[in-house]
């Protein structure tokens, strides 16, 4: 999210300053033109205390270009990554293709357009600086046919998120997706829509989850309360993705051994001492 209360000419400077001074994560650079990217790279260079040659050689920021039209895709990619210095960052090419708006109304057609734009952006990046790190992004869904607003809450979004991950793996590049919803307030709608979009991203094998916490109303505002809810969801997903450990200890063969007893077998074994202490 951007600090919209600040002038658009300097808000990227203040956002980057806060990112450099208030957190220890990788700095995100909004790909909204060449000069803004140069400003962010220079601020990161100063913060790291390195020279321009090091910035040219080592990826220090990441960005995500989300073009909504074909011509905008080429303009943004060219302006944002036209020199080798600008393409040493990790660049996520994420076409914004809404079925029924700037893309065909069918999901297959919208995904084909997403894929074409994404590949074009990655090819352009490699033409400028071969070997520059890139990320395949997906943000395809349908629109409300009455209002024209993006419906980032429907099964269509979940399906395209999963297919986008399959396409990224086909090309051997990381995948970027989002945890989005269209709810106006922190309520049941916000919860189940986030679960749906998050599950589509996870099932798609997402590597970079943008808008992971706090996203509300199709991206029109952020919510501190929603960040807490999303943090819980992300924690549960992380635990779900942990593999089940299978060894002698977790199989608990000793708990299954022994004859019949009036008390549960688990309460008689050494690994259940805590339960034994509570027995009457």
C-alpha atoms as a PDB file:
ATOM      1  CA  UNK A   1       0.000   0.000   0.000  1.00  0.00           C
ATOM      2  CA  UNK A   2       1.142   3.554  -0.733  1.00  0.00           C
ATOM      3  CA  UNK A   3       0.885   6.594   1.569  1.00  0.00           C
ATOM      4  CA  UNK A   4      -1.737   8.353  -0.540  1.00  0.00           C
ATOM      5  CA  UNK A   5      -1.767  11.341   1.821  1.00  0.00           C
ATOM      6  CA  UNK A   6       1.663  12.315   0.449  1.00  0.00           C
ATOM      7  CA  UNK A   7       2.349  13.886  -2.938  1.00  0.00           C
ATOM      8  CA  UNK A   8       2.758  11.243  -5.638  1.00  0.00           C
ATOM      9  CA  UNK A   9       6.126  12.674  -6.610  1.00  0.00           C
ATOM     10  CA  UNK A  10       7.723  11.883  -3.236  1.00  0.00           C
ATOM     11  CA  UNK A  11       5.593   9.187  -1.632  1.00  0.00           C
ATOM     12  CA  UNK A  12       7.907   6.456  -2.970  1.00  0.00           C
ATOM     13  CA  UNK A  13      10.812   8.148  -1.170  1.00  0.00           C
ATOM     14  CA  UNK A  14       9.037   8.153   2.185  1.00  0.00           C
ATOM     15  CA  UNK A  15       7.781   4.584   1.727  1.00  0.00           C
ATOM     16  CA  UNK A  16      11.309   3.389   0.945  1.00  0.00           C
ATOM     17  CA  UNK A  17      12.755   5.333   3.874  1.00  0.00           C
ATOM     18  CA  UNK A  18      10.308   3.654   6.256  1.00  0.00           C
ATOM     19  CA  UNK A  19      11.073   0.239   4.737  1.00  0.00           C
ATOM     20  CA  UNK A  20      14.814   0.772   5.229  1.00  0.00           C
ATOM     21  CA  UNK A  21      14.535   2.058   8.805  1.00  0.00           C
ATOM     22  CA  UNK A  22      11.604   0.119  10.270  1.00  0.00           C
ATOM     23  CA  UNK A  23      11.984  -3.441   8.968  1.00  0.00           C
ATOM     24  CA  UNK A  24      14.594  -6.027   8.051  1.00  0.00           C
ATOM     25  CA  UNK A  25      12.874  -7.508   4.997  1.00  0.00           C
ATOM     26  CA  UNK A  26      13.704  -7.032   1.336  1.00  0.00           C
ATOM     27  CA  UNK A  27      12.723  -3.608   0.020  1.00  0.00           C
ATOM     28  CA  UNK A  28       9.902  -3.463  -2.498  1.00  0.00           C
ATOM     29  CA  UNK A  29      10.182  -0.965  -5.339  1.00  0.00           C
ATOM     30  CA  UNK A  30       7.015   0.153  -7.108  1.00  0.00           C
ATOM     31  CA  UNK A  31       7.684  -0.159 -10.831  1.00  0.00           C
ATOM     32  CA  UNK A  32       5.982   3.114 -11.774  1.00  0.00           C
ATOM     33  CA  UNK A  33       8.625   4.621 -14.023  1.00  0.00           C
ATOM     34  CA  UNK A  34      12.357   4.750 -14.486  1.00  0.00           C
ATOM     35  CA  UNK A  35      13.122   7.682 -12.193  1.00  0.00           C
ATOM     36  CA  UNK A  36      11.328   6.201  -9.188  1.00  0.00           C
ATOM     37  CA  UNK A  37      13.258   2.981  -9.610  1.00  0.00           C
ATOM     38  CA  UNK A  38      16.519   4.918  -9.797  1.00  0.00           C
ATOM     39  CA  UNK A  39      15.589   6.796  -6.601  1.00  0.00           C
ATOM     40  CA  UNK A  40      14.870   3.569  -4.688  1.00  0.00           C
ATOM     41  CA  UNK A  41      18.049   1.879  -5.905  1.00  0.00           C
ATOM     42  CA  UNK A  42      20.095   4.873  -4.833  1.00  0.00           C
ATOM     43  CA  UNK A  43      18.505   4.890  -1.381  1.00  0.00           C
ATOM     44  CA  UNK A  44      19.186   1.162  -0.996  1.00  0.00           C
ATOM     45  CA  UNK A  45      22.791   1.691  -2.140  1.00  0.00           C
ATOM     46  CA  UNK A  46      23.280   4.369   0.523  1.00  0.00           C
ATOM     47  CA  UNK A  47      21.650   2.199   3.200  1.00  0.00           C
ATOM     48  CA  UNK A  48      23.863  -0.761   2.325  1.00  0.00           C
ATOM     49  CA  UNK A  49      26.979   1.389   2.139  1.00  0.00           C
ATOM     50  CA  UNK A  50      28.105  -0.056  -1.193  1.00  0.00           C
ATOM     51  CA  UNK A  51      29.103   1.387  -4.546  1.00  0.00           C
ATOM     52  CA  UNK A  52      27.165   1.355  -7.803  1.00  0.00           C
ATOM     53  CA  UNK A  53      29.116  -1.619  -9.127  1.00  0.00           C
ATOM     54  CA  UNK A  54      27.886  -3.737  -6.215  1.00  0.00           C
ATOM     55  CA  UNK A  55      24.288  -2.672  -6.790  1.00  0.00           C
ATOM     56  CA  UNK A  56      24.702  -3.566 -10.460  1.00  0.00           C
ATOM     57  CA  UNK A  57      25.974  -7.015  -9.497  1.00  0.00           C
ATOM     58  CA  UNK A  58      23.803  -7.953  -6.511  1.00  0.00           C
ATOM     59  CA  UNK A  59      19.971  -7.924  -6.443  1.00  0.00           C
ATOM     60  CA  UNK A  60      19.031  -5.614  -3.581  1.00  0.00           C
ATOM     61  CA  UNK A  61      15.328  -4.874  -4.124  1.00  0.00           C
ATOM     62  CA  UNK A  62      12.372  -6.592  -5.724  1.00  0.00           C
ATOM     63  CA  UNK A  63       9.543  -5.146  -7.754  1.00  0.00           C
ATOM     64  CA  UNK A  64       6.324  -6.212  -9.397  1.00  0.00           C
ATOM     65  CA  UNK A  65       5.087  -4.754 -12.662  1.00  0.00           C
ATOM     66  CA  UNK A  66       1.322  -5.147 -13.055  1.00  0.00           C
ATOM     67  CA  UNK A  67       0.325  -3.847 -16.480  1.00  0.00           C
ATOM     68  CA  UNK A  68      -3.370  -3.760 -17.302  1.00  0.00           C
ATOM     69  CA  UNK A  69      -3.056  -3.341 -21.074  1.00  0.00           C
ATOM     70  CA  UNK A  70      -0.843  -4.731 -23.806  1.00  0.00           C
ATOM     71  CA  UNK A  71       0.877  -1.450 -24.674  1.00  0.00           C
ATOM     72  CA  UNK A  72       1.221  -0.542 -20.988  1.00  0.00           C
ATOM     73  CA  UNK A  73       2.994  -3.840 -20.432  1.00  0.00           C
ATOM     74  CA  UNK A  74       5.777  -2.994 -22.845  1.00  0.00           C
ATOM     75  CA  UNK A  75       6.068   0.621 -21.691  1.00  0.00           C
ATOM     76  CA  UNK A  76       6.339  -0.265 -18.024  1.00  0.00           C
ATOM     77  CA  UNK A  77       8.812  -3.052 -18.583  1.00  0.00           C
ATOM     78  CA  UNK A  78      10.984  -0.892 -20.812  1.00  0.00           C
ATOM     79  CA  UNK A  79      10.889   2.142 -18.527  1.00  0.00           C
ATOM     80  CA  UNK A  80      11.380   0.128 -15.386  1.00  0.00           C
ATOM     81  CA  UNK A  81      14.125  -2.191 -16.569  1.00  0.00           C
ATOM     82  CA  UNK A  82      15.862  -0.661 -19.586  1.00  0.00           C
ATOM     83  CA  UNK A  83      19.375  -0.651 -18.180  1.00  0.00           C
ATOM     84  CA  UNK A  84      21.373  -3.455 -16.586  1.00  0.00           C
ATOM     85  CA  UNK A  85      21.431  -1.553 -13.334  1.00  0.00           C
ATOM     86  CA  UNK A  86      17.642  -1.682 -13.133  1.00  0.00           C
ATOM     87  CA  UNK A  87      17.343  -5.370 -13.992  1.00  0.00           C
ATOM     88  CA  UNK A  88      19.698  -6.624 -11.286  1.00  0.00           C
ATOM     89  CA  UNK A  89      16.716  -6.523  -8.978  1.00  0.00           C
ATOM     90  CA  UNK A  90      14.203  -9.349  -8.819  1.00  0.00           C
ATOM     91  CA  UNK A  91      11.372  -8.329 -11.138  1.00  0.00           C
ATOM     92  CA  UNK A  92       7.951  -9.925 -10.986  1.00  0.00           C
ATOM     93  CA  UNK A  93       5.957  -9.589 -14.197  1.00  0.00           C
ATOM     94  CA  UNK A  94       2.310  -9.797 -13.132  1.00  0.00           C
ATOM     95  CA  UNK A  95      -0.214  -8.955 -15.879  1.00  0.00           C
ATOM     96  CA  UNK A  96      -3.540  -7.643 -14.580  1.00  0.00           C
ATOM     97  CA  UNK A  97      -5.981  -9.504 -16.822  1.00  0.00           C
ATOM     98  CA  UNK A  98      -9.647  -9.411 -15.892  1.00  0.00           C
ATOM     99  CA  UNK A  99     -11.974 -11.632 -17.899  1.00  0.00           C
ATOM    100  CA  UNK A 100     -14.649  -9.454 -19.434  1.00  0.00           C
ATOM    101  CA  UNK A 101     -12.673  -6.215 -19.129  1.00  0.00           C
ATOM    102  CA  UNK A 102      -9.155  -5.981 -20.577  1.00  0.00           C
ATOM    103  CA  UNK A 103      -9.092  -9.702 -21.417  1.00  0.00           C
ATOM    104  CA  UNK A 104     -11.499 -12.179 -23.049  1.00  0.00           C
ATOM    105  CA  UNK A 105     -14.497 -13.137 -20.958  1.00  0.00           C
ATOM    106  CA  UNK A 106     -13.463 -16.795 -20.813  1.00  0.00           C
ATOM    107  CA  UNK A 107     -10.886 -17.932 -18.276  1.00  0.00           C
ATOM    108  CA  UNK A 108      -8.892 -19.784 -20.924  1.00  0.00           C
ATOM    109  CA  UNK A 109      -8.677 -16.641 -23.045  1.00  0.00           C
ATOM    110  CA  UNK A 110      -7.790 -14.442 -20.070  1.00  0.00           C
ATOM    111  CA  UNK A 111      -5.084 -16.872 -18.954  1.00  0.00           C
ATOM    112  CA  UNK A 112      -3.668 -17.012 -22.474  1.00  0.00           C
ATOM    113  CA  UNK A 113      -3.371 -13.225 -22.448  1.00  0.00           C
ATOM    114  CA  UNK A 114      -1.807 -13.279 -18.971  1.00  0.00           C
ATOM    115  CA  UNK A 115       0.713 -15.837 -20.133  1.00  0.00           C
ATOM    116  CA  UNK A 116       1.584 -13.928 -23.288  1.00  0.00           C
ATOM    117  CA  UNK A 117       2.155 -10.662 -21.453  1.00  0.00           C
ATOM    118  CA  UNK A 118       4.168 -12.347 -18.737  1.00  0.00           C
ATOM    119  CA  UNK A 119       6.458 -14.109 -21.183  1.00  0.00           C
ATOM    120  CA  UNK A 120       6.907 -10.891 -23.179  1.00  0.00           C
ATOM    121  CA  UNK A 121       7.970  -9.043 -20.036  1.00  0.00           C
ATOM    122  CA  UNK A 122      10.418 -11.756 -19.038  1.00  0.00           C
ATOM    123  CA  UNK A 123      11.895 -11.880 -22.541  1.00  0.00           C
ATOM    124  CA  UNK A 124      12.366  -8.109 -22.558  1.00  0.00           C
ATOM    125  CA  UNK A 125      14.070  -8.266 -19.160  1.00  0.00           C
ATOM    126  CA  UNK A 126      16.454 -10.947 -20.389  1.00  0.00           C
ATOM    127  CA  UNK A 127      17.137  -9.001 -23.585  1.00  0.00           C
ATOM    128  CA  UNK A 128      18.264  -6.046 -21.480  1.00  0.00           C
ATOM    129  CA  UNK A 129      20.294  -8.087 -18.992  1.00  0.00           C
ATOM    130  CA  UNK A 130      20.584 -11.848 -19.607  1.00  0.00           C
ATOM    131  CA  UNK A 131      20.289 -13.828 -16.407  1.00  0.00           C
ATOM    132  CA  UNK A 132      18.450 -11.135 -14.445  1.00  0.00           C
ATOM    133  CA  UNK A 133      16.136 -12.739 -11.836  1.00  0.00           C
ATOM    134  CA  UNK A 134      12.460 -12.762 -12.848  1.00  0.00           C
ATOM    135  CA  UNK A 135       9.222 -13.952 -11.256  1.00  0.00           C
ATOM    136  CA  UNK A 136       6.117 -15.135 -13.114  1.00  0.00           C
ATOM    137  CA  UNK A 137       3.097 -13.381 -11.617  1.00  0.00           C
ATOM    138  CA  UNK A 138      -0.587 -14.099 -11.991  1.00  0.00           C
ATOM    139  CA  UNK A 139      -3.539 -11.811 -11.253  1.00  0.00           C
ATOM    140  CA  UNK A 140      -6.413 -12.989 -13.424  1.00  0.00           C
ATOM    141  CA  UNK A 141     -10.041 -13.038 -12.382  1.00  0.00           C
ATOM    142  CA  UNK A 142     -13.442 -11.924 -13.595  1.00  0.00           C
ATOM    143  CA  UNK A 143     -15.319  -8.630 -13.151  1.00  0.00           C
ATOM    144  CA  UNK A 144     -18.707  -7.689 -11.772  1.00  0.00           C
ATOM    145  CA  UNK A 145     -20.798  -7.309 -14.916  1.00  0.00           C
ATOM    146  CA  UNK A 146     -22.943  -4.668 -13.198  1.00  0.00           C
ATOM    147  CA  UNK A 147     -20.257  -2.388 -11.757  1.00  0.00           C
ATOM    148  CA  UNK A 148     -17.120  -3.473 -13.628  1.00  0.00           C
ATOM    149  CA  UNK A 149     -15.244  -3.931 -10.333  1.00  0.00           C
ATOM    150  CA  UNK A 150     -12.727  -6.796 -10.056  1.00  0.00           C
ATOM    151  CA  UNK A 151     -14.246  -9.813  -8.319  1.00  0.00           C
ATOM    152  CA  UNK A 152     -11.140 -11.124  -6.592  1.00  0.00           C
ATOM    153  CA  UNK A 153     -13.239 -13.395  -4.436  1.00  0.00           C
ATOM    154  CA  UNK A 154     -14.812 -15.923  -6.767  1.00  0.00           C
ATOM    155  CA  UNK A 155     -13.876 -19.470  -7.778  1.00  0.00           C
ATOM    156  CA  UNK A 156     -12.516 -17.991 -11.015  1.00  0.00           C
ATOM    157  CA  UNK A 157      -9.720 -16.253  -9.144  1.00  0.00           C
ATOM    158  CA  UNK A 158      -8.816 -19.401  -7.246  1.00  0.00           C
ATOM    159  CA  UNK A 159      -8.715 -21.463 -10.446  1.00  0.00           C
ATOM    160  CA  UNK A 160      -6.546 -18.975 -12.315  1.00  0.00           C
ATOM    161  CA  UNK A 161      -4.166 -18.764  -9.347  1.00  0.00           C
ATOM    162  CA  UNK A 162      -3.653 -22.511  -9.441  1.00  0.00           C
ATOM    163  CA  UNK A 163      -3.190 -22.575 -13.224  1.00  0.00           C
ATOM    164  CA  UNK A 164      -0.756 -19.650 -13.025  1.00  0.00           C
ATOM    165  CA  UNK A 165       1.433 -21.705 -10.714  1.00  0.00           C
ATOM    166  CA  UNK A 166       1.410 -24.584 -13.175  1.00  0.00           C
ATOM    167  CA  UNK A 167       2.505 -22.247 -15.978  1.00  0.00           C
ATOM    168  CA  UNK A 168       5.329 -20.822 -13.863  1.00  0.00           C
ATOM    169  CA  UNK A 169       6.643 -24.298 -13.108  1.00  0.00           C
ATOM    170  CA  UNK A 170       6.488 -25.135 -16.806  1.00  0.00           C
ATOM    171  CA  UNK A 171       8.891 -22.272 -17.500  1.00  0.00           C
ATOM    172  CA  UNK A 172      11.037 -23.010 -14.454  1.00  0.00           C
ATOM    173  CA  UNK A 173      10.614 -19.647 -12.721  1.00  0.00           C
ATOM    174  CA  UNK A 174       9.227 -18.643  -9.285  1.00  0.00           C
ATOM    175  CA  UNK A 175       5.523 -17.839  -8.982  1.00  0.00           C
ATOM    176  CA  UNK A 176       3.892 -14.748  -7.481  1.00  0.00           C
ATOM    177  CA  UNK A 177       0.263 -14.618  -6.341  1.00  0.00           C
ATOM    178  CA  UNK A 178      -1.842 -12.721  -3.781  1.00  0.00           C
ATOM    179  CA  UNK A 179      -4.078 -13.017  -0.731  1.00  0.00           C
ATOM    180  CA  UNK A 180      -6.954 -10.770  -1.766  1.00  0.00           C
ATOM    181  CA  UNK A 181     -10.603 -10.114  -1.016  1.00  0.00           C
ATOM    182  CA  UNK A 182     -13.335  -7.610  -1.858  1.00  0.00           C
ATOM    183  CA  UNK A 183     -14.838  -7.139   1.610  1.00  0.00           C
ATOM    184  CA  UNK A 184     -15.359  -3.617   2.931  1.00  0.00           C
ATOM    185  CA  UNK A 185     -15.006  -4.545   6.599  1.00  0.00           C
ATOM    186  CA  UNK A 186     -13.440  -7.234   8.737  1.00  0.00           C
ATOM    187  CA  UNK A 187     -16.284  -9.741   8.772  1.00  0.00           C
ATOM    188  CA  UNK A 188     -17.106 -13.268   7.683  1.00  0.00           C
ATOM    189  CA  UNK A 189     -16.901 -12.220   4.040  1.00  0.00           C
ATOM    190  CA  UNK A 190     -13.353 -10.948   4.494  1.00  0.00           C
ATOM    191  CA  UNK A 191     -12.364 -14.214   6.188  1.00  0.00           C
ATOM    192  CA  UNK A 192     -13.797 -16.719   3.722  1.00  0.00           C
ATOM    193  CA  UNK A 193     -12.710 -14.726   0.663  1.00  0.00           C
ATOM    194  CA  UNK A 194      -9.147 -14.547   1.942  1.00  0.00           C
ATOM    195  CA  UNK A 195      -9.166 -18.267   2.682  1.00  0.00           C
ATOM    196  CA  UNK A 196     -10.344 -18.931  -0.875  1.00  0.00           C
ATOM    197  CA  UNK A 197      -7.743 -16.722  -2.574  1.00  0.00           C
ATOM    198  CA  UNK A 198      -4.991 -17.858  -0.233  1.00  0.00           C
ATOM    199  CA  UNK A 199      -5.815 -21.489  -0.907  1.00  0.00           C
ATOM    200  CA  UNK A 200      -5.633 -20.895  -4.658  1.00  0.00           C
ATOM    201  CA  UNK A 201      -2.171 -19.389  -4.257  1.00  0.00           C
ATOM    202  CA  UNK A 202      -0.927 -22.200  -2.017  1.00  0.00           C
ATOM    203  CA  UNK A 203      -2.351 -24.903  -4.271  1.00  0.00           C
ATOM    204  CA  UNK A 204      -0.612 -23.134  -7.139  1.00  0.00           C
ATOM    205  CA  UNK A 205       2.726 -23.515  -5.370  1.00  0.00           C
ATOM    206  CA  UNK A 206       3.246 -19.799  -4.761  1.00  0.00           C
ATOM    207  CA  UNK A 207       6.795 -18.632  -4.002  1.00  0.00           C
ATOM    208  CA  UNK A 208       6.073 -14.942  -3.382  1.00  0.00           C
ATOM    209  CA  UNK A 209       2.747 -14.035  -1.781  1.00  0.00           C
ATOM    210  CA  UNK A 210       2.033 -10.347  -2.274  1.00  0.00           C
ATOM    211  CA  UNK A 211      -0.677  -8.598  -0.251  1.00  0.00           C
ATOM    212  CA  UNK A 212      -0.252 -11.339   2.299  1.00  0.00           C
ATOM    213  CA  UNK A 213      -1.806  -9.411   5.181  1.00  0.00           C
ATOM    214  CA  UNK A 214      -4.126  -6.448   5.536  1.00  0.00           C
ATOM    215  CA  UNK A 215      -5.602  -6.247   2.038  1.00  0.00           C
ATOM    216  CA  UNK A 216      -9.231  -5.057   1.958  1.00  0.00           C
ATOM    217  CA  UNK A 217     -11.872  -3.919  -0.535  1.00  0.00           C
ATOM    218  CA  UNK A 218     -10.032  -5.018  -3.651  1.00  0.00           C
ATOM    219  CA  UNK A 219      -6.916  -3.135  -2.567  1.00  0.00           C
ATOM    220  CA  UNK A 220      -8.601   0.201  -1.879  1.00  0.00           C
ATOM    221  CA  UNK A 221      -7.591   0.232   1.759  1.00  0.00           C
ATOM    222  CA  UNK A 222      -5.583  -1.675   4.354  1.00  0.00           C
ATOM    223  CA  UNK A 223      -6.755  -2.867   7.760  1.00  0.00           C
ATOM    224  CA  UNK A 224      -4.675  -3.442  10.887  1.00  0.00           C
ATOM    225  CA  UNK A 225      -7.332  -5.824  12.187  1.00  0.00           C
ATOM    226  CA  UNK A 226      -7.249  -7.754   8.911  1.00  0.00           C
ATOM    227  CA  UNK A 227      -3.474  -8.057   9.270  1.00  0.00           C
ATOM    228  CA  UNK A 228      -4.016  -9.951  12.529  1.00  0.00           C
ATOM    229  CA  UNK A 229      -6.538 -12.282  10.886  1.00  0.00           C
ATOM    230  CA  UNK A 230      -4.247 -12.852   7.903  1.00  0.00           C
ATOM    231  CA  UNK A 231      -1.292 -13.524  10.170  1.00  0.00           C
ATOM    232  CA  UNK A 232      -3.302 -16.307  11.784  1.00  0.00           C
ATOM    233  CA  UNK A 233      -4.251 -17.698   8.370  1.00  0.00           C
ATOM    234  CA  UNK A 234      -0.664 -17.586   7.136  1.00  0.00           C
ATOM    235  CA  UNK A 235       0.514 -19.309  10.298  1.00  0.00           C
ATOM    236  CA  UNK A 236      -1.993 -22.107   9.822  1.00  0.00           C
ATOM    237  CA  UNK A 237      -1.008 -22.501   6.171  1.00  0.00           C
ATOM    238  CA  UNK A 238       2.671 -22.644   7.121  1.00  0.00           C
ATOM    239  CA  UNK A 239       1.905 -25.362   9.683  1.00  0.00           C
ATOM    240  CA  UNK A 240      -0.195 -27.237   7.117  1.00  0.00           C
ATOM    241  CA  UNK A 241       2.712 -27.261   4.663  1.00  0.00           C
ATOM    242  CA  UNK A 242       5.106 -28.759   7.209  1.00  0.00           C
ATOM    243  CA  UNK A 243       5.748 -32.426   6.415  1.00  0.00           C
ATOM    244  CA  UNK A 244       4.603 -35.040   8.914  1.00  0.00           C
ATOM    245  CA  UNK A 245       7.613 -36.467  10.735  1.00  0.00           C
ATOM    246  CA  UNK A 246       7.628 -40.264  10.693  1.00  0.00           C
ATOM    247  CA  UNK A 247      10.224 -41.943  12.903  1.00  0.00           C
ATOM    248  CA  UNK A 248      10.390 -44.300  15.878  1.00  0.00           C
ATOM    249  CA  UNK A 249       9.492 -41.566  18.340  1.00  0.00           C
ATOM    250  CA  UNK A 250       6.483 -40.170  16.462  1.00  0.00           C
ATOM    251  CA  UNK A 251       5.170 -43.621  15.560  1.00  0.00           C
ATOM    252  CA  UNK A 252       5.059 -44.246  19.324  1.00  0.00           C
ATOM    253  CA  UNK A 253       5.310 -48.029  19.154  1.00  0.00           C
ATOM    254  CA  UNK A 254       5.614 -48.168  22.908  1.00  0.00           C
ATOM    255  CA  UNK A 255       2.186 -46.605  23.268  1.00  0.00           C
ATOM    256  CA  UNK A 256       0.658 -49.476  21.324  1.00  0.00           C
ATOM    257  CA  UNK A 257       2.486 -52.201  23.247  1.00  0.00           C
ATOM    258  CA  UNK A 258       1.219 -53.980  26.322  1.00  0.00           C
ATOM    259  CA  UNK A 259      -1.979 -55.748  27.175  1.00  0.00           C
ATOM    260  CA  UNK A 260      -5.429 -54.500  28.032  1.00  0.00           C
ATOM    261  CA  UNK A 261      -5.806 -52.018  30.833  1.00  0.00           C
ATOM    262  CA  UNK A 262      -8.468 -49.982  32.557  1.00  0.00           C
ATOM    263  CA  UNK A 263      -6.544 -46.857  31.650  1.00  0.00           C
ATOM    264  CA  UNK A 264      -5.698 -45.715  28.118  1.00  0.00           C
ATOM    265  CA  UNK A 265      -2.385 -47.065  26.914  1.00  0.00           C
ATOM    266  CA  UNK A 266      -1.036 -43.593  26.139  1.00  0.00           C
ATOM    267  CA  UNK A 267      -1.262 -42.690  29.832  1.00  0.00           C
ATOM    268  CA  UNK A 268       1.008 -45.599  30.771  1.00  0.00           C
ATOM    269  CA  UNK A 269       3.963 -44.681  28.596  1.00  0.00           C
ATOM    270  CA  UNK A 270       6.986 -42.529  29.218  1.00  0.00           C
ATOM    271  CA  UNK A 271       6.201 -40.060  26.415  1.00  0.00           C
ATOM    272  CA  UNK A 272       2.843 -39.230  28.101  1.00  0.00           C
ATOM    273  CA  UNK A 273       4.166 -38.212  31.510  1.00  0.00           C
ATOM    274  CA  UNK A 274       2.231 -34.975  31.388  1.00  0.00           C
ATOM    275  CA  UNK A 275      -1.011 -36.894  31.062  1.00  0.00           C
ATOM    276  CA  UNK A 276      -0.076 -39.318  33.813  1.00  0.00           C
ATOM    277  CA  UNK A 277       0.390 -36.445  36.236  1.00  0.00           C
ATOM    278  CA  UNK A 278      -3.251 -35.468  35.742  1.00  0.00           C
ATOM    279  CA  UNK A 279      -4.652 -38.942  36.368  1.00  0.00           C
ATOM    280  CA  UNK A 280      -6.940 -39.299  39.433  1.00  0.00           C
END
